[in-house]
Amino acid sequence: MAQNQTRSEELFDRAKKTIPGGVNSPVRAFKSVGGTPIFMERARGAYMYDADGKRYIDYINSWGPMMLGHAYEPVVKAIQDKAAGSTSFGAPTELEIEMAELIVSMAPNVDMVRMVSSGTEACMSALRLARGYTGRNKFIKFEGCYHGHADAFLVKAGSGVATFNIQTVPGVTAGVSMDTLTAPYNDLAAVQQLVDENKGEIAAIIIEPVAGNMGCIIPEPGFMEGLRAICDKEGIVFIFDEVMTGFRLAAGGAQERLGIHADLVTYGKVIGGGMPVGAFGGKEEIMRHIAPLGNVYQAGTLSGNPIAMIAGYTMLKTLKDNPGIYKELDDKTAYLHKGLSGALVDCNVPHAINRFGSMISVHFSDKPVNNFAAAAAANNTLFNNLFHAMLENGVYLPPSAFETWFISTALSMKDIDYTVEVAGEFLATLR
């Protein structure tokens, strides 16, 4: 290792020789915020520790699933016990049934569930099912919403695509793009126009009910209700992408929290307790079109993997049996919101803080941030500077202005106070 080089810098140099860009998911590369990505070695509770042993208060929580903190003991123990009986069978297990029954008992309007291995796979499969069910090809998504990296979803996507300013993605054919219709988030009139212009051709509308891939973007009053009404009138399948929000915002996810029912719902993150997993589910009438019951094909050797199932089952059962967890998460997020807002106001920095449940994001804007265009127009250079100031002082934020922050119950009020203090010290330098 070169003199004064951190272990993360050494590892990044080494990684770039065998891994494209040195990372296995683009946003980890820190290209948006600049600098060298931090290589983590271990984590427990609210804290992560890097390869040099430095501690960070974590506001990513593995992009959502670590609601109860890292290395949550019941989940770790369940994984250890289950692994002793093999890590994979490629055959059915009773645990898969128990997991499906638990999801159906918690999620409104979900009659049947198919387990998969990632959120991308869940969204891809749900869209294929909607197309097979309706016999139509086109679908509507929203600018800045990210539904995984399947070809059809990479048109005007958020998250890493937004971070890297990639709006035309090589490898995605024109034919695929033509079936993808996009509208601004929170713009019901734009959706209605697309429906009118493509009468009888739209299979699905897919949306992050509370968006997390352009920062936290909250649906305006009437927007979700309007989308539900359009889908009902036009025979369109309404898909909620709850890969982030599912079981995080409430035991029944965004459907419960918003009081809006979807026809199909996709899950990930929380339902794996940190393990790679995804699922899609919904009305039996639609789900019966999936093979082997129907002709819409979807398969996966590792679907229902026992390690992922026991981790997810243990997490979801904990959430179902302890509803107070959601109040604790909401209260801690509100406390963080109040502290950050106070620091920003004291330093006279234009800002918009968006918060819904235990998702929150800070935008340096003097206007409301309610869609991708507004998020992109904010002073994201200032966010990058804040990110590095926080990182230097042991607070780990998402390395992009286009990502929501996630709160865990492991986070203490002392941790939050320290976070606000560090942010305030940085903001005071802007006076």
Protein backbone atom coordinates (compact mmCIF):
# COMPACT_ATOMS: atom_id res chain seq x y z
CA MET A 1 0.00 0.00 0.00
CA ALA A 2 1.31 3.44 -0.98
CA GLN A 3 2.22 5.84 1.82
CA ASN A 4 -0.88 7.64 3.23
CA GLN A 5 -3.17 5.53 1.03
CA THR A 6 -6.23 4.20 2.86
CA ARG A 7 -7.15 0.54 2.71
CA SER A 8 -10.29 1.49 0.70
CA GLU A 9 -8.15 3.31 -1.85
CA GLU A 10 -5.88 0.29 -2.14
CA LEU A 11 -8.84 -2.06 -2.55
CA PHE A 12 -10.47 0.20 -5.15
CA ASP A 13 -7.28 0.28 -7.23
CA ARG A 14 -7.11 -3.49 -7.02
CA ALA A 15 -10.83 -3.96 -7.82
CA LYS A 16 -10.66 -1.87 -11.00
CA LYS A 17 -8.36 -4.49 -12.55
CA THR A 18 -10.95 -7.28 -12.45
CA ILE A 19 -14.35 -5.60 -11.82
CA PRO A 20 -15.77 -3.01 -14.29
CA GLY A 21 -15.37 0.36 -12.58
CA GLY A 22 -14.19 -1.43 -9.46
CA VAL A 23 -17.74 -2.03 -8.19
CA ASN A 24 -20.59 -4.46 -8.73
CA SER A 25 -23.33 -1.82 -8.75
CA PRO A 26 -22.71 1.61 -10.35
CA VAL A 27 -23.84 3.98 -7.58
CA ARG A 28 -21.22 2.46 -5.26
CA ALA A 29 -18.48 3.98 -7.42
CA PHE A 30 -19.01 7.48 -5.91
CA LYS A 31 -18.91 8.99 -9.44
CA SER A 32 -21.76 11.36 -8.62
CA VAL A 33 -20.21 12.68 -5.41
CA GLY A 34 -16.55 12.18 -6.33
CA GLY A 35 -13.81 10.49 -4.36
CA THR A 36 -13.05 6.86 -3.61
CA PRO A 37 -15.77 4.44 -2.50
CA ILE A 38 -15.51 3.17 1.05
CA PHE A 39 -15.02 -0.59 1.32
CA MET A 40 -16.92 -1.98 4.28
CA GLU A 41 -15.75 -4.87 6.42
CA ARG A 42 -18.50 -5.40 8.99
CA ALA A 43 -21.57 -3.80 10.53
CA ARG A 44 -23.68 -4.06 13.65
CA GLY A 45 -26.74 -2.11 14.72
CA ALA A 46 -26.63 1.43 13.38
CA TYR A 47 -22.94 1.33 12.49
CA MET A 48 -20.74 0.14 9.63
CA TYR A 49 -16.97 -0.26 9.86
CA ASP A 50 -14.69 0.19 6.86
CA ALA A 51 -11.55 -1.71 5.89
CA ASP A 52 -9.48 0.72 7.99
CA GLY A 53 -11.70 0.17 11.04
CA LYS A 54 -13.42 3.59 10.90
CA ARG A 55 -17.01 3.66 12.17
CA TYR A 56 -19.92 5.26 10.31
CA ILE A 57 -23.50 5.97 11.34
CA ASP A 58 -25.43 4.30 8.53
CA TYR A 59 -28.28 6.05 6.69
CA ILE A 60 -28.39 3.58 3.80
CA ASN A 61 -29.04 0.34 5.68
CA SER A 62 -28.25 -1.76 2.60
CA TRP A 63 -30.67 0.47 0.63
CA GLY A 64 -33.56 -0.34 2.92
CA PRO A 65 -33.75 -3.88 4.33
CA MET A 66 -31.86 -3.35 7.59
CA MET A 67 -34.89 -1.84 9.33
CA LEU A 68 -33.82 -3.28 12.68
CA GLY A 69 -30.13 -2.57 12.19
CA HIS A 70 -27.22 -4.63 10.89
CA ALA A 71 -26.57 -8.18 12.12
CA TYR A 72 -30.01 -8.35 13.79
CA GLU A 73 -29.46 -11.35 16.02
CA PRO A 74 -32.66 -13.38 15.36
CA VAL A 75 -32.10 -13.15 11.58
CA VAL A 76 -28.41 -14.07 11.86
CA LYS A 77 -29.21 -17.06 14.09
CA ALA A 78 -31.99 -18.26 11.76
CA ILE A 79 -29.62 -18.10 8.78
CA GLN A 80 -26.92 -20.03 10.63
CA ASP A 81 -29.33 -22.76 11.69
CA LYS A 82 -30.90 -23.11 8.24
CA ALA A 83 -27.55 -23.17 6.40
CA ALA A 84 -26.58 -26.32 8.28
CA GLY A 85 -29.32 -28.13 6.35
CA SER A 86 -28.01 -26.98 2.91
CA THR A 87 -28.00 -23.61 1.20
CA SER A 88 -30.13 -24.67 -1.78
CA PHE A 89 -32.35 -27.55 -2.93
CA GLY A 90 -33.84 -26.60 -6.29
CA ALA A 91 -36.98 -28.27 -4.96
CA PRO A 92 -40.01 -27.05 -2.98
CA THR A 93 -39.87 -26.58 0.79
CA GLU A 94 -42.52 -25.98 3.44
CA LEU A 95 -40.76 -22.72 4.32
CA GLU A 96 -41.73 -21.26 0.93
CA ILE A 97 -45.38 -21.87 1.77
CA GLU A 98 -44.99 -20.28 5.19
CA MET A 99 -43.32 -17.24 3.62
CA ALA A 100 -46.10 -16.85 1.04
CA GLU A 101 -48.77 -17.23 3.73
CA LEU A 102 -47.07 -14.60 5.88
CA ILE A 103 -46.85 -12.10 3.00
CA VAL A 104 -50.52 -12.68 2.08
CA SER A 105 -51.52 -12.18 5.73
CA MET A 106 -49.73 -8.83 5.88
CA ALA A 107 -50.18 -7.26 2.42
CA PRO A 108 -53.59 -5.95 1.32
CA ASN A 109 -55.01 -7.24 -1.96
CA VAL A 110 -52.37 -9.97 -2.38
CA ASP A 111 -53.89 -13.43 -2.88
CA MET A 112 -50.91 -15.29 -4.33
CA VAL A 113 -47.12 -14.75 -4.35
CA ARG A 114 -44.27 -15.95 -6.55
CA MET A 115 -40.79 -15.76 -5.05
CA VAL A 116 -37.82 -14.66 -7.20
CA SER A 117 -34.22 -13.66 -6.51
CA SER A 118 -34.15 -9.85 -6.93
CA GLY A 119 -36.28 -6.74 -7.19
CA THR A 120 -35.33 -6.41 -10.86
CA GLU A 121 -36.60 -9.92 -11.54
CA ALA A 122 -39.81 -9.20 -9.62
CA CYS A 123 -40.60 -6.08 -11.66
CA MET A 124 -39.63 -7.72 -14.95
CA SER A 125 -41.88 -10.69 -14.20
CA ALA A 126 -44.82 -8.56 -13.04
CA LEU A 127 -44.72 -6.57 -16.28
CA ARG A 128 -44.57 -9.76 -18.36
CA LEU A 129 -47.55 -11.09 -16.41
CA ALA A 130 -49.52 -7.89 -16.97
CA ARG A 131 -48.82 -8.12 -20.70
CA GLY A 132 -49.80 -11.77 -20.82
CA TYR A 133 -52.97 -11.13 -18.83
CA THR A 134 -54.14 -8.17 -20.93
CA GLY A 135 -52.77 -9.18 -24.34
CA ARG A 136 -51.28 -5.69 -24.67
CA ASN A 137 -47.64 -4.60 -25.00
CA LYS A 138 -47.24 -0.97 -23.93
CA PHE A 139 -46.88 0.26 -20.38
CA ILE A 140 -46.49 3.56 -18.55
CA LYS A 141 -43.69 4.32 -16.09
CA PHE A 142 -42.68 7.58 -14.45
CA GLU A 143 -39.57 9.68 -15.02
CA GLY A 144 -37.10 9.09 -12.22
CA CYS A 145 -38.69 5.84 -11.01
CA TYR A 146 -36.28 2.90 -11.08
CA HIS A 147 -37.69 -0.60 -11.41
CA GLY A 148 -34.45 -2.50 -11.89
CA HIS A 149 -32.23 -2.87 -14.90
CA ALA A 150 -34.45 -4.92 -17.22
CA ASP A 151 -34.41 -3.32 -20.70
CA ALA A 152 -37.94 -1.94 -20.63
CA PHE A 153 -37.41 -0.08 -17.35
CA LEU A 154 -34.23 1.81 -18.27
CA VAL A 155 -36.06 4.54 -20.18
CA LYS A 156 -35.86 7.76 -18.13
CA ALA A 157 -35.05 5.79 -14.99
CA GLY A 158 -33.92 7.19 -11.65
CA SER A 159 -31.30 5.95 -9.18
CA GLY A 160 -27.96 5.03 -10.75
CA VAL A 161 -29.14 5.88 -14.25
CA ALA A 162 -29.96 9.39 -13.09
CA THR A 163 -26.75 9.61 -11.09
CA PHE A 164 -24.70 8.86 -14.20
CA ASN A 165 -26.95 11.02 -16.43
CA ILE A 166 -27.58 8.06 -18.73
CA GLN A 167 -30.88 8.76 -20.47
CA THR A 168 -30.29 6.66 -23.59
CA VAL A 169 -28.95 3.29 -22.54
CA PRO A 170 -26.83 1.33 -25.04
CA GLY A 171 -28.11 -2.23 -25.42
CA VAL A 172 -31.78 -1.26 -25.08
CA THR A 173 -33.40 -1.58 -28.50
CA ALA A 174 -35.64 1.01 -30.12
CA GLY A 175 -38.44 -1.56 -30.22
CA VAL A 176 -38.34 -1.98 -26.45
CA SER A 177 -38.23 1.77 -25.94
CA MET A 178 -41.28 2.30 -28.16
CA ASP A 179 -43.40 0.19 -25.82
CA THR A 180 -42.26 2.21 -22.79
CA LEU A 181 -44.33 5.36 -22.26
CA THR A 182 -43.13 7.86 -19.68
CA ALA A 183 -44.83 10.59 -17.71
CA PRO A 184 -43.66 13.00 -14.99
CA TYR A 185 -44.36 11.78 -11.44
CA ASN A 186 -47.39 13.50 -9.88
CA ASP A 187 -48.73 14.56 -13.31
CA LEU A 188 -52.11 12.87 -13.76
CA ALA A 189 -52.98 14.86 -16.87
CA ALA A 190 -49.88 13.56 -18.65
CA VAL A 191 -50.90 9.98 -17.83
CA GLN A 192 -54.42 10.56 -19.13
CA GLN A 193 -52.99 11.97 -22.36
CA LEU A 194 -50.81 8.88 -22.87
CA VAL A 195 -53.80 6.63 -22.25
CA ASP A 196 -55.93 8.59 -24.71
CA GLU A 197 -53.19 8.47 -27.37
CA ASN A 198 -52.69 4.71 -26.92
CA LYS A 199 -56.27 3.54 -26.43
CA GLY A 200 -56.53 -0.18 -25.74
CA GLU A 201 -52.76 -0.72 -26.05
CA ILE A 202 -51.54 -0.19 -22.47
CA ALA A 203 -51.04 -3.30 -20.36
CA ALA A 204 -49.83 -1.71 -17.14
CA ILE A 205 -48.97 1.38 -15.19
CA ILE A 206 -46.02 0.72 -12.87
CA ILE A 207 -44.97 3.16 -10.17
CA GLU A 208 -42.97 3.49 -6.98
CA PRO A 209 -45.90 4.54 -4.75
CA VAL A 210 -43.45 6.55 -2.68
CA ALA A 211 -40.47 7.08 -4.94
CA GLY A 212 -37.01 6.46 -3.55
CA ASN A 213 -34.82 6.65 -6.63
CA MET A 214 -34.86 10.40 -7.20
CA GLY A 215 -34.65 11.14 -3.53
CA CYS A 216 -37.82 10.54 -1.54
CA ILE A 217 -40.72 11.81 -3.67
CA ILE A 218 -44.20 11.73 -2.17
CA PRO A 219 -47.40 11.31 -4.21
CA GLU A 220 -49.53 14.43 -4.14
CA PRO A 221 -53.14 14.18 -2.91
CA GLY A 222 -55.36 12.60 -5.56
CA PHE A 223 -52.51 11.33 -7.75
CA MET A 224 -52.66 7.66 -6.75
CA GLU A 225 -56.44 7.73 -6.62
CA GLY A 226 -56.47 9.15 -10.14
CA LEU A 227 -54.15 6.43 -11.43
CA ARG A 228 -56.32 3.75 -9.81
CA ALA A 229 -59.42 5.23 -11.50
CA ILE A 230 -57.72 5.32 -14.92
CA CYS A 231 -56.65 1.69 -14.59
CA ASP A 232 -60.15 0.60 -13.55
CA LYS A 233 -61.75 2.43 -16.48
CA GLU A 234 -59.27 1.25 -19.13
CA GLY A 235 -58.63 -2.33 -17.97
CA ILE A 236 -54.98 -1.53 -17.18
CA VAL A 237 -53.03 -3.51 -14.57
CA PHE A 238 -51.85 -1.19 -11.79
CA ILE A 239 -48.44 -2.33 -10.48
CA PHE A 240 -46.94 -1.01 -7.25
CA ASP A 241 -43.16 -1.38 -7.15
CA GLU A 242 -42.76 -1.87 -3.41
CA VAL A 243 -39.21 -3.18 -3.57
CA MET A 244 -38.27 -0.27 -1.27
CA THR A 245 -41.56 0.52 0.46
CA GLY A 246 -42.88 -2.99 1.00
CA PHE A 247 -43.05 -3.82 4.73
CA ARG A 248 -40.94 -0.70 5.46
CA LEU A 249 -43.64 1.98 5.46
CA ALA A 250 -46.14 -0.28 7.24
CA ALA A 251 -46.81 -3.97 7.79
CA GLY A 252 -48.86 -3.81 4.59
CA GLY A 253 -46.45 -1.50 2.79
CA ALA A 254 -47.47 1.53 0.75
CA GLN A 255 -50.82 -0.06 -0.13
CA GLU A 256 -51.76 0.06 3.55
CA ARG A 257 -50.14 3.43 4.23
CA LEU A 258 -51.71 5.19 1.23
CA GLY A 259 -55.02 3.31 1.28
CA ILE A 260 -54.69 2.42 -2.41
CA HIS A 261 -54.92 -1.12 -3.75
CA ALA A 262 -52.71 -2.29 -6.60
CA ASP A 263 -53.42 -5.23 -8.92
CA LEU A 264 -49.84 -6.52 -8.72
CA VAL A 265 -47.13 -5.67 -6.20
CA THR A 266 -43.38 -6.30 -6.36
CA TYR A 267 -41.20 -6.80 -3.30
CA GLY A 268 -37.53 -7.04 -2.40
CA LYS A 269 -35.16 -5.59 0.22
CA VAL A 270 -37.00 -6.16 3.51
CA ILE A 271 -38.45 -9.57 2.58
CA GLY A 272 -34.93 -10.97 2.42
CA GLY A 273 -33.68 -9.51 5.68
CA GLY A 274 -30.55 -8.51 3.78
CA MET A 275 -30.31 -11.63 1.60
CA PRO A 276 -30.83 -11.45 -2.20
CA VAL A 277 -34.55 -12.00 -2.79
CA GLY A 278 -37.61 -10.61 -4.51
CA ALA A 279 -41.27 -11.47 -5.00
CA PHE A 280 -44.33 -10.41 -6.92
CA GLY A 281 -47.92 -11.04 -6.02
CA GLY A 282 -51.47 -9.83 -6.41
CA LYS A 283 -54.97 -10.82 -7.34
CA GLU A 284 -55.51 -14.54 -7.90
CA GLU A 285 -57.30 -13.80 -11.18
CA ILE A 286 -54.06 -12.35 -12.57
CA MET A 287 -51.54 -14.58 -10.76
CA ARG A 288 -53.17 -17.74 -12.16
CA HIS A 289 -51.75 -16.80 -15.57
CA ILE A 290 -48.21 -17.58 -14.35
CA ALA A 291 -46.76 -20.99 -15.27
CA PRO A 292 -47.38 -23.76 -14.37
CA LEU A 293 -51.03 -22.66 -13.92
CA GLY A 294 -50.96 -20.43 -16.98
CA ASN A 295 -48.88 -19.69 -20.07
CA VAL A 296 -46.85 -16.70 -18.82
CA TYR A 297 -43.47 -18.26 -18.19
CA GLN A 298 -41.24 -17.39 -15.25
CA ALA A 299 -38.71 -19.62 -13.52
CA GLY A 300 -35.60 -19.54 -11.35
CA THR A 301 -33.37 -22.19 -9.82
CA LEU A 302 -32.79 -20.13 -6.68
CA SER A 303 -36.37 -18.85 -6.31
CA GLY A 304 -37.46 -19.61 -2.74
CA ASN A 305 -33.88 -20.23 -1.66
CA PRO A 306 -34.04 -21.52 1.95
CA ILE A 307 -31.47 -19.08 3.33
CA ALA A 308 -33.27 -16.08 1.83
CA MET A 309 -36.63 -17.46 2.94
CA ILE A 310 -35.67 -17.97 6.58
CA ALA A 311 -34.05 -14.52 6.76
CA GLY A 312 -37.10 -12.87 5.25
CA TYR A 313 -39.59 -14.90 7.26
CA THR A 314 -37.82 -14.02 10.51
CA MET A 315 -37.77 -10.32 9.61
CA LEU A 316 -41.41 -10.14 8.49
CA LYS A 317 -42.66 -12.12 11.50
CA THR A 318 -40.84 -9.68 13.78
CA LEU A 319 -42.48 -6.74 12.02
CA LYS A 320 -45.93 -8.32 12.11
CA ASP A 321 -45.70 -9.21 15.80
CA ASN A 322 -44.28 -5.81 16.84
CA PRO A 323 -46.31 -3.02 15.16
CA GLY A 324 -44.66 -0.46 17.46
CA ILE A 325 -41.55 -0.74 15.30
CA TYR A 326 -43.22 1.45 12.66
CA LYS A 327 -44.00 4.22 15.15
CA GLU A 328 -40.41 4.13 16.39
CA LEU A 329 -39.10 4.41 12.82
CA ASP A 330 -41.48 7.26 12.00
CA ASP A 331 -40.62 9.12 15.21
CA LYS A 332 -36.87 8.85 14.64
CA THR A 333 -37.22 10.00 11.04
CA ALA A 334 -39.36 12.96 12.13
CA TYR A 335 -36.73 13.84 14.77
CA LEU A 336 -34.01 13.80 12.10
CA HIS A 337 -36.20 15.93 9.82
CA LYS A 338 -36.76 18.52 12.54
CA GLY A 339 -33.05 18.73 13.37
CA LEU A 340 -31.88 19.03 9.77
CA SER A 341 -34.56 21.59 8.95
CA GLY A 342 -33.52 23.69 11.94
CA ALA A 343 -29.87 23.64 10.87
CA LEU A 344 -30.75 24.56 7.29
CA VAL A 345 -33.02 27.42 8.38
CA ASP A 346 -30.41 28.73 10.84
CA CYS A 347 -27.86 28.89 8.03
CA ASN A 348 -30.36 30.35 5.55
CA VAL A 349 -29.86 27.54 3.03
CA PRO A 350 -32.72 27.01 0.54
CA HIS A 351 -33.97 23.46 0.93
CA ALA A 352 -36.79 20.97 0.62
CA ILE A 353 -36.87 17.96 2.93
CA ASN A 354 -39.14 15.14 1.78
CA ARG A 355 -40.16 12.55 4.35
CA PHE A 356 -42.59 9.66 4.32
CA GLY A 357 -42.45 7.10 7.11
CA SER A 358 -38.81 6.06 7.54
CA MET A 359 -37.70 7.41 4.14
CA ILE A 360 -36.25 10.93 3.92
CA SER A 361 -34.16 13.05 1.56
CA VAL A 362 -32.67 16.55 1.56
CA HIS A 363 -32.81 18.64 -1.61
CA PHE A 364 -31.05 21.99 -1.89
CA SER A 365 -33.86 23.73 -3.73
CA ASP A 366 -36.02 26.81 -3.15
CA LYS A 367 -38.99 25.02 -4.77
CA PRO A 368 -40.95 21.90 -3.83
CA VAL A 369 -39.36 18.69 -5.13
CA ASN A 370 -42.21 16.53 -6.40
CA ASN A 371 -40.78 14.90 -9.52
CA PHE A 372 -37.51 14.03 -11.27
CA ALA A 373 -37.13 17.39 -13.03
CA ALA A 374 -37.37 19.23 -9.71
CA ALA A 375 -34.86 16.85 -8.08
CA ALA A 376 -32.43 17.29 -10.98
CA ALA A 377 -32.77 21.09 -10.83
CA ALA A 378 -31.68 21.26 -7.18
CA ASN A 379 -28.15 22.28 -6.16
CA ASN A 380 -26.75 18.77 -6.24
CA THR A 381 -23.17 20.01 -6.12
CA LEU A 382 -23.96 21.30 -2.64
CA PHE A 383 -25.32 17.87 -1.73
CA ASN A 384 -22.04 16.31 -2.89
CA ASN A 385 -20.11 18.66 -0.59
CA LEU A 386 -22.41 17.80 2.30
CA PHE A 387 -21.91 14.10 1.59
CA HIS A 388 -18.13 14.36 1.93
CA ALA A 389 -18.32 16.52 5.05
CA MET A 390 -20.58 13.95 6.68
CA LEU A 391 -18.44 11.03 5.51
CA GLU A 392 -15.30 12.62 6.93
CA ASN A 393 -17.06 12.85 10.27
CA GLY A 394 -18.35 9.29 10.32
CA VAL A 395 -21.86 9.70 8.87
CA TYR A 396 -22.61 7.54 5.83
CA LEU A 397 -25.25 9.02 3.50
CA PRO A 398 -26.29 7.63 0.12
CA PRO A 399 -23.59 8.69 -2.39
CA SER A 400 -26.07 10.43 -4.68
CA ALA A 401 -28.63 13.20 -4.41
CA PHE A 402 -31.02 10.88 -6.27
CA GLU A 403 -31.35 8.35 -3.45
CA THR A 404 -33.54 8.30 -0.38
CA TRP A 405 -32.08 7.83 3.10
CA PHE A 406 -33.34 4.88 5.16
CA ILE A 407 -33.72 4.87 8.94
CA SER A 408 -33.35 1.85 11.24
CA THR A 409 -34.57 1.26 14.79
CA ALA A 410 -30.93 0.71 15.81
CA LEU A 411 -30.26 4.42 15.27
CA SER A 412 -30.24 6.25 18.62
CA MET A 413 -31.34 9.81 19.32
CA LYS A 414 -27.70 10.49 20.19
CA ASP A 415 -26.71 9.29 16.71
CA ILE A 416 -29.28 11.60 15.16
CA ASP A 417 -28.16 14.55 17.29
CA TYR A 418 -24.58 13.98 16.18
CA THR A 419 -25.70 13.77 12.54
CA VAL A 420 -27.52 17.11 12.81
CA GLU A 421 -24.53 18.65 14.59
CA VAL A 422 -22.12 17.62 11.81
CA ALA A 423 -24.53 18.86 9.13
CA GLY A 424 -24.91 22.16 10.98
CA GLU A 425 -21.15 22.65 11.19
CA PHE A 426 -20.84 22.13 7.44
CA LEU A 427 -23.79 24.40 6.64
CA ALA A 428 -22.33 27.16 8.84
CA THR A 429 -19.34 27.32 6.47
CA LEU A 430 -21.73 28.45 3.69
CA ARG A 431 -22.69 31.68 5.46
